[in-house]
Amino acid sequence: MANAWSWDFWLAREGDSYHLFFLQASRALRDPDRRHYRAGIGHAVSTDLRQWTQVDDALVHDDRPAFDDIATWTGSVVRGSDGLWRMFYTGVGSPDDGLVQRIGLATSADLTTWTRHDGPLLEADPRWYERLGEAPWPNEAWRDPWVFADPDGDGWHMLITARANQGPADDRGVIGHARSTDLIAWQVQPPLTSPGSGFGQLEVSQVEIVDGQPVLLFSCLQPELSAARRADGETGGIWAVTGDSLLGPFDTSKARLVTDESLYAGRLVKDPHGQWQLLAFHNRGGGGRFVGGLSDPMPVRLADGTLKADTTTAATC
């Protein structure tokens, strides 16, 4: 990955192999802040979460005009009961000047060759969620779909980076929610968390059971914290909070940092021994410069209801 920046990622496991899907953009852009609107989805494979072999890219932007003809962003991969792999991802396109985020779908029989579903699956519902221009926020947030099976076998859930349509502009971040019975038709639901918890956005969310306790993981950097949190001197990074179930309720005002801003967009994954590990991308280095690139696995545990990670093991792969 030497010729490209890599950042947000998600994983799928098939047998003994882990498949890593990650955002990437060419370093020929020179300025890493330009990477977002040049992003495609790369693909690498590992058996130990440490040594990765890069293979053919999974997905790039579509032909114009399309909802994802500028860039393809963060998502997740699940396997349906029919054996087909489904990648849910974020798209931004030229019809909206890249300012409106929508969620798309691609399918694969082998995790290697992906075929787009026609058009976006879902977008922000104004009954509960902020739309472009309704607040002084630079875009319409509706991204980072994290899809998982209902714990009771009742279909599928999707967690989404979203913003509520009420409250102070810097404090509207929520975990959006949608449901499906077939992984194709989705119904947008009210958010799983409430605005006013101190976050302008809660990115790349995930829920898992760690040490018997449901945990919500998300990320937020210091500039996107509410003014009140910033005035208190808080900084950003990867955050976590426990709840009563995989669907909450989660009180994100009680979320605690798992890492500082040197690491971002964390994902929980079980290693080959069945132990939970945290992976993240290297975000900030010396002088605040963007780094990019995947961390090594960091063991995690719950201590007094708080997720802890051993960040001393996070050397760049």
Protein backbone atom coordinates (compact mmCIF):
# COMPACT_ATOMS: atom_id res chain seq x y z
CA MET A 1 0.00 0.00 0.00
CA ALA A 2 3.06 2.24 -0.32
CA ASN A 3 1.63 4.21 -3.26
CA ALA A 4 -1.68 4.96 -1.58
CA TRP A 5 -3.09 6.30 1.64
CA SER A 6 -5.38 3.84 3.39
CA TRP A 7 -7.76 4.59 6.23
CA ASP A 8 -11.28 3.38 7.22
CA PHE A 9 -11.78 -0.37 6.87
CA TRP A 10 -14.05 -3.34 7.64
CA LEU A 11 -13.58 -7.08 7.70
CA ALA A 12 -15.18 -10.35 6.69
CA ARG A 13 -14.05 -13.82 7.71
CA GLU A 14 -14.27 -16.94 5.58
CA GLY A 15 -12.76 -20.07 7.11
CA ASP A 16 -9.24 -19.28 8.28
CA SER A 17 -8.96 -16.13 6.14
CA TYR A 18 -9.71 -12.54 7.08
CA HIS A 19 -10.70 -10.22 4.25
CA LEU A 20 -9.91 -6.56 4.82
CA PHE A 21 -11.75 -3.93 2.79
CA PHE A 22 -10.33 -0.44 3.15
CA LEU A 23 -10.55 3.07 1.75
CA GLN A 24 -7.58 4.10 -0.36
CA ALA A 25 -6.48 7.01 -2.52
CA SER A 26 -3.30 7.70 -4.46
CA ARG A 27 -0.48 9.58 -2.75
CA ALA A 28 -0.04 11.44 -6.06
CA LEU A 29 -2.72 13.77 -4.66
CA ARG A 30 0.09 15.02 -2.34
CA ASP A 31 -2.37 16.53 0.15
CA PRO A 32 -4.02 13.77 2.23
CA ASP A 33 -7.02 16.01 2.90
CA ARG A 34 -7.94 15.53 -0.78
CA ARG A 35 -8.21 11.75 -0.41
CA HIS A 36 -11.87 11.57 0.60
CA TYR A 37 -13.28 12.52 -2.79
CA ARG A 38 -10.87 10.18 -4.60
CA ALA A 39 -11.52 7.12 -2.45
CA GLY A 40 -12.02 3.59 -3.71
CA ILE A 41 -12.24 0.30 -1.81
CA GLY A 42 -9.14 -1.89 -1.65
CA HIS A 43 -8.93 -5.52 -0.56
CA ALA A 44 -6.32 -7.54 1.34
CA VAL A 45 -6.26 -11.02 2.90
CA SER A 46 -4.62 -12.41 6.06
CA THR A 47 -4.75 -15.46 8.31
CA ASP A 48 -3.36 -13.74 11.43
CA LEU A 49 -4.51 -10.07 11.27
CA ARG A 50 -0.86 -9.02 11.02
CA GLN A 51 0.54 -10.02 7.65
CA TRP A 52 -1.65 -8.87 4.77
CA THR A 53 -1.54 -9.68 1.07
CA GLN A 54 -3.14 -7.05 -1.12
CA VAL A 55 -5.33 -8.41 -3.93
CA ASP A 56 -7.51 -6.82 -6.63
CA ASP A 57 -9.46 -3.76 -5.54
CA ALA A 58 -13.07 -4.43 -4.58
CA LEU A 59 -14.93 -1.33 -5.78
CA VAL A 60 -14.33 2.12 -7.28
CA HIS A 61 -16.63 5.01 -8.18
CA ASP A 62 -19.33 4.34 -10.75
CA ASP A 63 -19.78 5.95 -14.17
CA ARG A 64 -21.63 9.28 -14.27
CA PRO A 65 -24.32 10.05 -13.45
CA ALA A 66 -24.69 7.94 -10.32
CA PHE A 67 -25.09 8.40 -6.58
CA ASP A 68 -21.54 7.04 -6.11
CA ASP A 69 -19.76 8.46 -9.16
CA ILE A 70 -17.29 10.53 -7.08
CA ALA A 71 -16.19 8.13 -4.34
CA THR A 72 -17.08 4.98 -2.43
CA TRP A 73 -16.71 5.15 1.34
CA THR A 74 -16.93 3.01 4.46
CA GLY A 75 -19.25 0.05 4.89
CA SER A 76 -19.50 -3.55 6.04
CA VAL A 77 -19.78 -7.06 4.58
CA VAL A 78 -22.17 -9.84 5.64
CA ARG A 79 -23.15 -13.22 4.19
CA GLY A 80 -26.80 -13.96 3.67
CA SER A 81 -28.54 -17.29 4.14
CA ASP A 82 -28.24 -17.82 0.36
CA GLY A 83 -24.44 -17.85 0.67
CA LEU A 84 -24.04 -14.56 -1.21
CA TRP A 85 -21.75 -11.92 0.26
CA ARG A 86 -23.18 -8.41 0.45
CA MET A 87 -21.14 -5.25 0.82
CA PHE A 88 -23.01 -2.21 2.10
CA TYR A 89 -21.07 0.98 1.43
CA THR A 90 -21.38 4.75 1.31
CA GLY A 91 -21.55 6.61 -2.00
CA VAL A 92 -21.21 10.28 -2.87
CA GLY A 93 -21.92 11.57 -6.35
CA SER A 94 -21.79 14.48 -8.76
CA PRO A 95 -25.57 15.11 -8.87
CA ASP A 96 -25.23 16.54 -5.33
CA ASP A 97 -21.65 17.84 -5.67
CA GLY A 98 -20.59 15.08 -3.27
CA LEU A 99 -22.50 16.67 -0.38
CA VAL A 100 -25.23 14.04 0.08
CA GLN A 101 -24.30 10.59 1.37
CA ARG A 102 -26.33 7.51 0.47
CA ILE A 103 -25.92 3.80 1.12
CA GLY A 104 -25.38 1.33 -1.69
CA LEU A 105 -24.97 -2.41 -2.13
CA ALA A 106 -22.63 -4.71 -4.04
CA THR A 107 -22.73 -8.50 -4.06
CA SER A 108 -20.14 -11.23 -4.54
CA ALA A 109 -20.00 -15.02 -4.53
CA ASP A 110 -16.31 -15.13 -3.62
CA LEU A 111 -15.43 -11.84 -1.82
CA THR A 112 -13.30 -10.91 -4.85
CA THR A 113 -15.55 -9.90 -7.77
CA TRP A 114 -18.27 -7.45 -6.79
CA THR A 115 -21.39 -6.41 -8.71
CA ARG A 116 -23.27 -3.23 -7.88
CA HIS A 117 -26.94 -3.23 -7.02
CA ASP A 118 -28.84 -0.71 -9.15
CA GLY A 119 -28.95 2.63 -7.36
CA PRO A 120 -28.82 3.48 -3.64
CA LEU A 121 -30.62 1.37 -1.06
CA LEU A 122 -31.55 4.12 1.36
CA GLU A 123 -30.95 7.72 2.36
CA ALA A 124 -31.64 9.95 5.33
CA ASP A 125 -35.31 10.10 6.33
CA PRO A 126 -36.36 13.68 7.24
CA ARG A 127 -38.75 12.40 9.90
CA TRP A 128 -35.79 11.93 12.22
CA TYR A 129 -32.60 12.89 10.41
CA GLU A 130 -30.97 16.10 9.28
CA ARG A 131 -30.88 16.81 5.54
CA LEU A 132 -28.45 19.01 3.65
CA GLY A 133 -28.91 22.70 4.44
CA GLU A 134 -30.97 22.24 7.59
CA ALA A 135 -28.06 23.17 9.85
CA PRO A 136 -24.58 24.70 9.44
CA TRP A 137 -22.97 21.32 8.74
CA PRO A 138 -20.94 20.73 5.58
CA ASN A 139 -22.80 17.68 4.27
CA GLU A 140 -25.76 15.36 4.70
CA ALA A 141 -24.46 12.62 6.97
CA TRP A 142 -25.75 9.14 6.09
CA ARG A 143 -22.80 6.78 5.88
CA ASP A 144 -20.72 3.94 7.37
CA PRO A 145 -23.41 1.22 7.30
CA TRP A 146 -22.69 -1.51 9.85
CA VAL A 147 -24.99 -4.48 9.17
CA PHE A 148 -25.56 -7.40 11.54
CA ALA A 149 -28.13 -10.13 12.06
CA ASP A 150 -30.88 -9.57 14.62
CA PRO A 151 -29.91 -11.40 17.83
CA ASP A 152 -33.35 -13.07 17.93
CA GLY A 153 -33.30 -14.08 14.26
CA ASP A 154 -35.71 -11.35 13.15
CA GLY A 155 -33.95 -10.09 10.04
CA TRP A 156 -31.10 -7.59 9.92
CA HIS A 157 -30.11 -4.26 11.42
CA MET A 158 -28.02 -1.44 10.00
CA LEU A 159 -26.23 1.19 12.11
CA ILE A 160 -25.51 4.45 10.29
CA THR A 161 -23.48 7.61 10.91
CA ALA A 162 -26.25 10.21 10.97
CA ARG A 163 -27.38 13.52 12.47
CA ALA A 164 -30.68 14.26 14.19
CA ASN A 165 -32.92 17.00 12.78
CA GLN A 166 -33.11 18.85 16.10
CA GLY A 167 -30.78 20.37 18.67
CA PRO A 168 -27.66 22.58 18.49
CA ALA A 169 -25.81 22.10 15.21
CA ASP A 170 -22.64 20.89 16.92
CA ASP A 171 -24.47 18.30 19.05
CA ARG A 172 -26.71 16.39 16.64
CA GLY A 173 -24.62 13.26 16.12
CA VAL A 174 -26.61 10.02 16.47
CA ILE A 175 -26.44 6.37 15.51
CA GLY A 176 -28.98 5.98 12.72
CA HIS A 177 -30.90 2.74 12.36
CA ALA A 178 -32.59 0.74 9.60
CA ARG A 179 -34.12 -2.76 9.43
CA SER A 180 -34.53 -5.37 6.71
CA THR A 181 -35.83 -8.91 6.34
CA ASP A 182 -34.00 -9.69 3.09
CA LEU A 183 -30.91 -7.39 2.97
CA ILE A 184 -32.42 -5.58 -0.04
CA ALA A 185 -35.47 -3.63 1.14
CA TRP A 186 -34.66 -1.47 4.16
CA GLN A 187 -36.93 0.59 6.39
CA VAL A 188 -35.37 3.57 8.14
CA GLN A 189 -36.06 3.66 11.88
CA PRO A 190 -35.60 6.31 14.58
CA PRO A 191 -32.01 6.64 15.81
CA LEU A 192 -30.69 4.27 18.47
CA THR A 193 -29.08 7.14 20.40
CA SER A 194 -30.14 10.67 21.29
CA PRO A 195 -28.64 13.98 20.19
CA GLY A 196 -27.16 16.20 22.85
CA SER A 197 -24.48 13.77 24.01
CA GLY A 198 -21.59 16.01 22.96
CA PHE A 199 -20.85 14.73 19.45
CA GLY A 200 -21.37 16.37 16.10
CA GLN A 201 -21.02 12.94 14.54
CA LEU A 202 -20.46 9.34 15.64
CA GLU A 203 -18.52 7.67 12.83
CA VAL A 204 -17.86 4.05 11.81
CA SER A 205 -19.98 2.48 14.53
CA GLN A 206 -20.03 -1.21 15.47
CA VAL A 207 -21.74 -3.31 18.14
CA GLU A 208 -20.37 -6.53 19.63
CA ILE A 209 -20.61 -8.63 22.79
CA VAL A 210 -17.31 -8.31 24.66
CA ASP A 211 -16.84 -10.24 27.92
CA GLY A 212 -20.59 -10.83 28.00
CA GLN A 213 -21.47 -7.14 27.66
CA PRO A 214 -22.94 -5.35 24.60
CA VAL A 215 -20.51 -2.63 23.48
CA LEU A 216 -21.03 0.22 21.01
CA LEU A 217 -17.83 1.41 19.35
CA PHE A 218 -17.60 4.65 17.35
CA SER A 219 -15.13 7.37 16.45
CA CYS A 220 -15.13 11.16 16.72
CA LEU A 221 -12.24 13.61 16.41
CA GLN A 222 -11.83 16.74 18.52
CA PRO A 223 -13.07 19.23 15.87
CA GLU A 224 -16.40 17.36 15.68
CA LEU A 225 -16.99 17.32 19.44
CA SER A 226 -19.57 19.76 20.77
CA ALA A 227 -18.39 23.20 21.86
CA ALA A 228 -19.04 22.22 25.47
CA ARG A 229 -16.77 19.17 25.27
CA ARG A 230 -14.05 21.17 23.52
CA ALA A 231 -14.31 23.92 26.14
CA ASP A 232 -13.69 21.23 28.77
CA GLY A 233 -10.47 20.32 26.98
CA GLU A 234 -11.67 16.96 25.69
CA THR A 235 -9.96 15.37 22.70
CA GLY A 236 -11.18 12.78 20.23
CA GLY A 237 -10.35 9.29 19.06
CA ILE A 238 -12.10 5.92 19.28
CA TRP A 239 -14.94 5.80 21.82
CA ALA A 240 -16.97 3.03 23.44
CA VAL A 241 -19.99 2.69 25.69
CA THR A 242 -21.84 -0.36 27.02
CA GLY A 243 -25.58 -0.96 26.73
CA ASP A 244 -28.30 -3.42 27.63
CA SER A 245 -28.35 -5.17 24.24
CA LEU A 246 -26.84 -4.89 20.77
CA LEU A 247 -29.61 -2.40 20.03
CA GLY A 248 -29.08 -0.43 23.22
CA PRO A 249 -30.21 1.66 24.76
CA PHE A 250 -26.81 3.36 24.64
CA ASP A 251 -26.17 6.58 26.54
CA THR A 252 -23.39 8.05 24.40
CA SER A 253 -22.92 10.93 26.83
CA LYS A 254 -21.19 8.29 28.99
CA ALA A 255 -18.88 7.05 26.21
CA ARG A 256 -15.19 6.87 27.09
CA LEU A 257 -12.10 7.08 24.91
CA VAL A 258 -10.47 3.77 24.00
CA THR A 259 -7.61 5.45 22.10
CA ASP A 260 -6.46 8.98 21.43
CA GLU A 261 -6.46 10.62 17.98
CA SER A 262 -3.30 8.83 16.88
CA LEU A 263 -5.64 5.93 16.03
CA TYR A 264 -9.06 6.12 14.39
CA ALA A 265 -11.98 4.17 12.94
CA GLY A 266 -11.51 1.17 15.20
CA ARG A 267 -12.98 -2.26 14.51
CA LEU A 268 -13.41 -5.12 16.95
CA VAL A 269 -12.54 -8.56 15.55
CA LYS A 270 -11.91 -11.98 17.04
CA ASP A 271 -8.43 -13.32 16.31
CA PRO A 272 -7.74 -16.96 15.29
CA HIS A 273 -7.75 -17.90 18.99
CA GLY A 274 -11.19 -16.39 19.59
CA GLN A 275 -9.87 -13.38 21.52
CA TRP A 276 -11.23 -9.90 20.86
CA GLN A 277 -8.77 -7.49 19.25
CA LEU A 278 -9.05 -3.87 18.18
CA LEU A 279 -7.74 -2.81 14.78
CA ALA A 280 -7.54 0.84 13.74
CA PHE A 281 -5.81 3.02 11.21
CA HIS A 282 -2.86 5.23 12.13
CA ASN A 283 -4.33 8.71 11.97
CA ARG A 284 -1.98 11.38 13.35
CA GLY A 285 1.78 11.27 13.61
CA GLY A 286 4.39 13.88 14.53
CA GLY A 287 3.25 17.45 13.98
CA GLY A 288 -0.30 16.29 13.44
CA ARG A 289 0.48 14.89 9.99
CA PHE A 290 -1.84 12.26 8.55
CA VAL A 291 -0.27 8.79 8.51
CA GLY A 292 -2.73 6.17 7.23
CA GLY A 293 -2.15 2.43 7.27
CA LEU A 294 -3.49 -0.38 9.43
CA SER A 295 -2.46 -1.04 13.02
CA ASP A 296 -1.48 -4.40 14.43
CA PRO A 297 -4.12 -6.06 16.63
CA MET A 298 -4.60 -4.57 20.10
CA PRO A 299 -6.03 -6.88 22.78
CA VAL A 300 -9.16 -5.49 24.43
CA ARG A 301 -11.07 -6.22 27.63
CA LEU A 302 -13.81 -4.72 29.75
CA ALA A 303 -12.72 -3.22 33.06
CA ASP A 304 -15.38 -1.68 35.33
CA GLY A 305 -17.71 -1.43 32.36
CA THR A 306 -15.16 0.41 30.22
CA LEU A 307 -13.51 -1.00 27.08
CA LYS A 308 -9.72 -0.99 27.40
CA ALA A 309 -7.21 -1.59 24.60
CA ASP A 310 -3.49 -2.33 24.83
CA THR A 311 -2.35 0.33 22.36
CA THR A 312 1.33 -0.54 22.90
CA THR A 313 0.84 -3.34 20.34
CA ALA A 314 -0.45 -1.03 17.58
CA ALA A 315 2.72 -0.84 15.46
CA THR A 316 2.04 -0.24 11.76
CA CYS A 317 1.69 -3.41 9.67
